[in-house]
Protein backbone atom coordinates (compact mmCIF):
# COMPACT_ATOMS: atom_id res chain seq x y z
CA MET A 1 86.18 84.33 89.48
CA ARG A 2 86.76 88.06 89.96
CA LYS A 3 89.36 89.80 87.83
CA LEU A 4 91.37 92.52 89.63
CA ARG A 5 93.10 94.90 87.24
CA TYR A 6 96.31 96.67 88.15
CA HIS A 7 98.63 99.27 86.63
CA LEU A 8 102.41 99.00 86.64
CA VAL A 9 104.44 102.19 87.01
CA ASP A 10 108.10 103.00 87.63
CA VAL A 11 108.55 105.69 90.27
CA PHE A 12 111.40 108.16 90.90
CA THR A 13 112.59 107.92 87.32
CA GLY A 14 111.97 109.48 83.92
CA GLU A 15 113.05 106.34 82.05
CA ARG A 16 111.40 102.96 81.59
CA PHE A 17 112.73 100.16 83.76
CA GLY A 18 114.48 102.55 86.13
CA GLY A 19 113.24 103.68 89.52
CA ASN A 20 111.08 101.53 91.77
CA PRO A 21 108.28 99.47 90.16
CA LEU A 22 104.83 99.64 91.71
CA ALA A 23 101.56 97.80 91.10
CA VAL A 24 98.42 99.88 91.71
CA PHE A 25 95.00 98.23 92.05
CA THR A 26 92.59 101.12 91.54
CA ASN A 27 89.58 99.14 92.82
CA GLY A 28 90.34 97.44 96.11
CA ARG A 29 86.71 97.21 97.22
CA GLY A 30 85.80 93.84 98.67
CA VAL A 31 89.40 92.61 98.84
CA SER A 32 90.34 91.35 102.31
CA THR A 33 93.53 92.37 104.08
CA GLU A 34 94.75 88.76 103.88
CA LEU A 35 94.19 88.66 100.11
CA MET A 36 95.89 92.05 99.61
CA GLN A 37 98.94 90.66 101.40
CA GLN A 38 98.88 87.47 99.32
CA ILE A 39 98.68 89.48 96.08
CA ALA A 40 101.61 91.69 97.15
CA LYS A 41 103.64 88.57 97.91
CA GLU A 42 102.68 87.05 94.55
CA LEU A 43 103.76 90.13 92.59
CA ASN A 44 106.91 90.39 94.74
CA LEU A 45 107.52 94.10 94.09
CA SER A 46 108.83 96.38 96.82
CA GLU A 47 105.24 97.56 97.29
CA THR A 48 101.74 97.08 95.91
CA THR A 49 98.84 99.47 96.60
CA PHE A 50 95.07 99.10 96.77
CA VAL A 51 92.79 102.12 96.32
CA LEU A 52 89.57 102.34 98.32
CA PRO A 53 86.96 104.97 99.17
CA PRO A 54 88.24 107.11 102.06
CA ASP A 55 87.06 106.91 105.65
CA ASP A 56 88.25 110.48 106.23
CA PRO A 57 86.15 113.14 104.45
CA ALA A 58 89.29 115.25 104.00
CA ALA A 59 90.78 112.63 101.65
CA ASP A 60 90.08 111.90 97.98
CA TRP A 61 90.95 108.19 98.25
CA ARG A 62 92.24 105.72 100.78
CA VAL A 63 95.44 103.86 99.88
CA ARG A 64 96.67 100.67 101.53
CA ILE A 65 100.32 99.80 100.96
CA PHE A 66 101.82 96.29 101.16
CA THR A 67 105.35 94.97 100.83
CA PRO A 68 105.69 91.23 100.14
CA ALA A 69 105.83 90.71 103.92
CA ASN A 70 103.62 93.31 105.63
CA GLU A 71 101.37 96.37 105.43
CA MET A 72 103.05 99.77 105.68
CA PRO A 73 101.79 102.85 107.56
CA THR A 74 103.02 105.03 104.68
CA ALA A 75 105.63 104.88 101.94
CA GLY A 76 107.07 107.22 99.35
CA HIS A 77 107.09 105.55 95.96
CA PRO A 78 103.66 103.91 96.51
CA THR A 79 102.10 107.27 97.40
CA ILE A 80 103.60 109.10 94.43
CA GLY A 81 103.02 106.24 91.99
CA THR A 82 99.40 105.77 93.10
CA ALA A 83 98.73 109.49 92.70
CA PHE A 84 100.19 109.31 89.19
CA VAL A 85 97.91 106.40 88.24
CA LEU A 86 94.83 108.06 89.75
CA ALA A 87 95.48 111.16 87.66
CA ARG A 88 96.19 109.14 84.52
CA GLU A 89 92.94 107.19 84.95
CA HIS A 90 90.97 110.42 85.63
CA LEU A 91 90.03 109.27 89.12
CA VAL A 92 91.13 112.64 90.52
CA ASP A 93 90.87 116.10 89.00
CA ILE A 94 94.20 117.90 88.63
CA THR A 95 94.13 121.50 87.41
CA PRO A 96 96.47 124.49 87.75
CA GLU A 97 94.00 125.84 90.32
CA THR A 98 93.79 122.55 92.27
CA PRO A 99 97.15 120.77 91.83
CA THR A 100 96.95 118.88 95.16
CA ILE A 101 95.08 115.70 96.06
CA ARG A 102 94.87 114.04 99.48
CA LEU A 103 95.41 110.36 100.09
CA GLN A 104 94.39 108.66 103.33
CA GLU A 105 97.09 106.28 104.55
CA ASN A 106 97.58 104.55 107.88
CA VAL A 107 99.49 107.56 109.24
CA GLY A 108 96.74 109.99 108.23
CA VAL A 109 95.99 112.16 105.20
CA ILE A 110 98.97 112.82 102.91
CA PRO A 111 98.86 115.83 100.52
CA VAL A 112 100.32 115.08 97.07
CA THR A 113 101.01 117.93 94.63
CA PHE A 114 101.46 117.86 90.84
CA ASP A 115 103.91 120.39 89.39
CA PHE A 116 106.61 120.72 86.73
CA ASP A 117 110.34 121.01 87.27
CA ASP A 118 112.57 123.56 85.53
CA ARG A 119 112.93 121.20 82.53
CA GLY A 120 109.18 120.81 82.08
CA HIS A 121 108.97 117.29 83.54
CA LEU A 122 105.99 116.36 85.69
CA LEU A 123 107.09 116.19 89.32
CA ILE A 124 104.77 114.61 91.90
CA THR A 125 105.57 115.57 95.50
CA MET A 126 104.21 114.18 98.75
CA GLN A 127 104.24 115.95 102.09
CA GLN A 128 105.48 113.66 104.85
CA PRO A 129 104.82 113.74 108.61
CA LEU A 130 107.30 115.79 110.62
CA PRO A 131 110.33 113.82 111.79
CA ARG A 132 110.82 111.93 115.00
CA PHE A 133 114.41 111.33 116.00
CA GLY A 134 114.94 108.04 117.77
CA PRO A 135 117.83 106.26 119.45
CA VAL A 136 121.46 106.30 118.38
CA PHE A 137 123.01 102.92 117.55
CA ASP A 138 126.38 102.79 119.32
CA ASP A 139 127.85 99.56 117.93
CA ARG A 140 129.76 101.01 114.99
CA ARG A 141 131.89 97.91 114.55
CA GLY A 142 128.72 95.84 114.33
CA ILE A 143 127.29 98.11 111.62
CA ALA A 144 130.56 97.94 109.68
CA GLU A 145 130.38 94.13 109.89
CA LEU A 146 126.73 94.24 108.76
CA LEU A 147 127.77 96.19 105.65
CA SER A 148 130.99 94.19 105.03
CA LEU A 149 132.99 97.42 105.48
CA ASP A 150 135.75 98.67 107.76
CA VAL A 151 134.85 100.93 110.68
CA GLY A 152 136.91 103.63 109.00
CA ASP A 153 134.44 103.65 106.08
CA LEU A 154 131.74 105.03 108.42
CA ASP A 155 131.43 108.78 108.82
CA ASP A 156 131.96 110.15 112.33
CA ALA A 157 128.33 111.37 112.55
CA PRO A 158 125.95 109.37 114.79
CA LEU A 159 124.10 106.31 113.53
CA GLU A 160 120.66 107.66 114.37
CA VAL A 161 117.05 106.58 113.85
CA VAL A 162 114.82 109.08 112.04
CA SER A 163 111.16 108.56 111.14
CA CYS A 164 108.68 110.49 109.00
CA GLY A 165 106.15 107.70 109.40
CA VAL A 166 108.57 104.76 109.04
CA PRO A 167 111.79 104.58 111.12
CA PHE A 168 115.15 104.18 109.38
CA LEU A 169 118.64 103.87 110.82
CA MET A 170 120.77 106.52 109.11
CA VAL A 171 124.25 105.19 108.29
CA PRO A 172 126.52 107.90 106.78
CA LEU A 173 129.61 106.73 104.90
CA ARG A 174 132.74 108.69 104.07
CA THR A 175 132.88 107.92 100.35
CA LEU A 176 130.86 106.89 97.33
CA GLU A 177 133.34 104.06 96.81
CA ALA A 178 132.47 102.64 100.24
CA ALA A 179 128.76 102.73 99.38
CA ALA A 180 129.44 100.67 96.26
CA ARG A 181 131.30 98.06 98.32
CA VAL A 182 128.43 97.41 100.74
CA ARG A 183 127.40 93.77 100.96
CA TYR A 184 124.55 93.36 103.43
CA ARG A 185 124.94 90.39 105.77
CA LEU A 186 121.65 88.86 106.85
CA ASP A 187 123.29 86.83 109.62
CA VAL A 188 124.58 90.03 111.23
CA TRP A 189 121.25 91.80 110.65
CA GLU A 190 119.46 89.02 112.56
CA ARG A 191 121.72 89.65 115.53
CA LEU A 192 121.93 93.46 115.46
CA LEU A 193 118.88 95.09 113.87
CA ARG A 194 116.02 92.59 113.64
CA ASP A 195 114.59 93.69 117.00
CA PHE A 196 115.99 97.23 116.99
CA ALA A 197 113.80 100.38 116.87
CA ALA A 198 114.57 100.62 113.13
CA PRO A 199 115.22 97.23 111.53
CA GLN A 200 115.72 98.91 108.15
CA ALA A 201 118.91 100.86 107.34
CA LEU A 202 119.58 103.70 104.90
CA VAL A 203 123.26 103.82 103.94
CA PHE A 204 124.37 107.03 102.21
CA ALA A 205 127.31 109.13 101.08
CA ARG A 206 127.40 112.89 100.47
CA GLN A 207 128.71 112.27 96.94
CA ALA A 208 126.95 111.06 93.80
CA VAL A 209 127.47 109.26 90.50
CA ARG A 210 125.30 111.61 88.43
CA PRO A 211 125.92 115.39 88.29
CA GLN A 212 122.28 116.27 89.08
CA ALA A 213 122.43 114.44 92.43
CA HIS A 214 123.91 115.50 95.78
CA LEU A 215 123.61 112.21 97.69
CA HIS A 216 123.97 108.50 96.97
CA ALA A 217 121.90 106.03 99.02
CA ARG A 218 121.12 102.35 99.46
CA MET A 219 118.29 100.96 101.60
CA PHE A 220 118.04 97.46 103.08
CA ALA A 221 114.86 96.05 104.70
CA PRO A 222 114.92 92.24 104.87
CA HIS A 223 112.08 92.06 107.39
CA MET A 224 109.81 93.67 104.76
CA GLY A 225 110.84 91.08 102.21
CA ILE A 226 113.09 93.67 100.52
CA LEU A 227 116.81 92.94 100.57
CA GLU A 228 117.66 96.16 98.69
CA ASP A 229 115.16 98.78 97.56
CA PRO A 230 115.65 100.69 94.28
CA ALA A 231 114.16 103.95 95.64
CA THR A 232 112.77 104.69 99.10
CA GLY A 233 110.72 107.87 99.47
CA SER A 234 109.85 107.14 103.09
CA ALA A 235 113.59 107.10 103.86
CA ALA A 236 114.41 110.17 101.74
CA GLY A 237 112.44 112.54 103.98
CA PRO A 238 114.18 111.29 107.14
CA LEU A 239 117.53 111.54 105.33
CA GLY A 240 116.92 115.21 104.56
CA CYS A 241 115.91 115.81 108.19
CA TYR A 242 119.06 114.05 109.40
CA LEU A 243 121.24 116.27 107.19
CA VAL A 244 119.56 119.42 108.51
CA ARG A 245 119.82 118.23 112.14
CA ARG A 246 123.53 117.49 111.68
CA GLY A 247 124.11 121.01 110.32
CA TRP A 248 125.07 119.75 106.85
CA ALA A 249 122.41 122.00 105.28
CA SER A 250 121.76 125.43 106.78
CA GLU A 251 119.63 127.08 104.07
CA SER A 252 115.83 126.90 104.18
CA PRO A 253 114.29 125.34 102.34
CA ALA A 254 117.12 122.82 102.07
CA ARG A 255 116.92 120.96 98.76
CA PHE A 256 118.65 117.72 97.81
CA VAL A 257 118.52 115.23 94.98
CA CYS A 258 119.31 111.73 96.20
CA GLU A 259 120.22 108.96 93.77
CA GLN A 260 119.50 105.34 94.64
CA GLY A 261 119.24 101.93 92.99
CA PHE A 262 122.44 102.17 90.94
CA GLU A 263 123.96 99.01 92.41
CA ILE A 264 120.93 96.92 91.41
CA GLY A 265 120.48 98.38 87.92
CA ARG A 266 117.49 100.67 88.60
CA PRO A 267 118.75 104.28 88.77
CA SER A 268 116.39 106.50 90.75
CA PHE A 269 116.28 110.19 91.68
CA LEU A 270 114.41 111.50 94.72
CA HIS A 271 113.85 115.23 95.26
CA ILE A 272 113.92 116.20 98.96
CA THR A 273 112.84 119.56 100.40
CA ILE A 274 113.15 120.40 104.11
CA GLU A 275 111.81 123.67 105.53
CA HIS A 276 113.26 124.64 108.89
CA SER A 277 113.94 127.59 111.17
CA GLY A 278 115.78 127.92 114.47
CA GLY A 279 116.57 124.21 114.56
CA GLN A 280 112.92 123.23 114.05
CA ILE A 281 111.78 121.38 110.93
CA SER A 282 108.38 122.60 109.76
CA ARG A 283 107.79 120.75 106.49
CA VAL A 284 109.15 117.61 104.79
CA SER A 285 108.50 116.92 101.09
CA VAL A 286 109.71 114.19 98.74
CA GLY A 287 108.99 114.04 95.02
CA GLY A 288 109.94 112.52 91.72
CA GLN A 289 108.91 111.53 88.22
CA CYS A 290 106.92 108.48 87.13
CA VAL A 291 106.79 106.38 83.96
CA TYR A 292 103.76 104.26 83.01
CA ILE A 293 104.78 100.70 82.09
CA GLY A 294 101.56 98.77 81.48
CA GLU A 295 98.63 96.95 83.04
CA GLY A 296 97.50 93.46 83.94
CA ALA A 297 94.95 91.46 85.88
CA ILE A 298 94.82 88.85 88.61
CA GLU A 299 91.93 86.41 88.96
CA ILE A 300 90.73 85.71 92.49
C-alpha cells in the first residue's frame, strides 16, 4: 500500500474553519487521473489538488484541480491554497526579491504573488486569464424561479456569462436581503442551466454584511458536485470584470472585497483587482488569506 499525504488549509479567510477548505497532495507523482478523481470524491471538499513536476519550463510546479465530480481547468481557492502549502513546506522559494511563483494549470501558467496587506496579513494573489464575455440569459423569470425569488428581486442589469478560465452566469440582485433568501432549486437548474454555456451561477448584491466588504456573493455549481461554494476565486475575477463592464467601477485599478459563504457558516473574503483603460481590461487578480488546519494521509 502507498500512503499519500495531504495538507488541509482554509482559503480566503484569516480564521480557522472559515473560508473554503482545500486538500493539497504535494506529491501526485504516479497517481492516475482516475484515482485523483476518486480521492477528490472521497474527501468531498469543493476542490482537491495534486502537485506534479511541470511540463512547462516556465512553471515551478504543475497543479491538477478536482471537484468531487470533475477536473477543473483552473480555480481560485485551489491555486491560492496550493501556493500557500508549497511555501509552507519549502517547496518554493519566496523572498522579497522573488515574491512570485508560477503554477501550471490546464489553462496555462498562473502567476501567484505573496505580499502583505495594510494590516500586515499575508495576502496571496493569483493573476487570472483575461475575461471572455459570453451570452446573455434572457429568461429572467426562470432565473427568479431557480433562486426561489421574485423577478423584482433581480437587478435590471443583464444576466451575462463571464469567464476568466471558468464560465459563470452573473446574477445581480437588488438587495442583500434577497441574496439571503435564495434557495437554489435543482429541478429548475436541470431544465434551465444544465446544458447552458455556464451551468454554474454567481448570485451577488452590491451590499455586504461586513464593513470591510463591498459585495456579497453566493455560488451554485451542482454539476461539479458543489451545491453551494463557500468561496469561489474563479468567479470573483469574472465578477470584477462584470462590474467594470457595466460601468459600476470606473477607477483603475478597480478594487473590491467580496464576501461569500455567510449563508453556509463559512465566512470568506476575496480581494479583487481589475486594471482597465478605455473599456479594455488588461489584468485580473484575485487574492486572499489562508489558514493551515492540519494534515492526513490516504492509503492506496
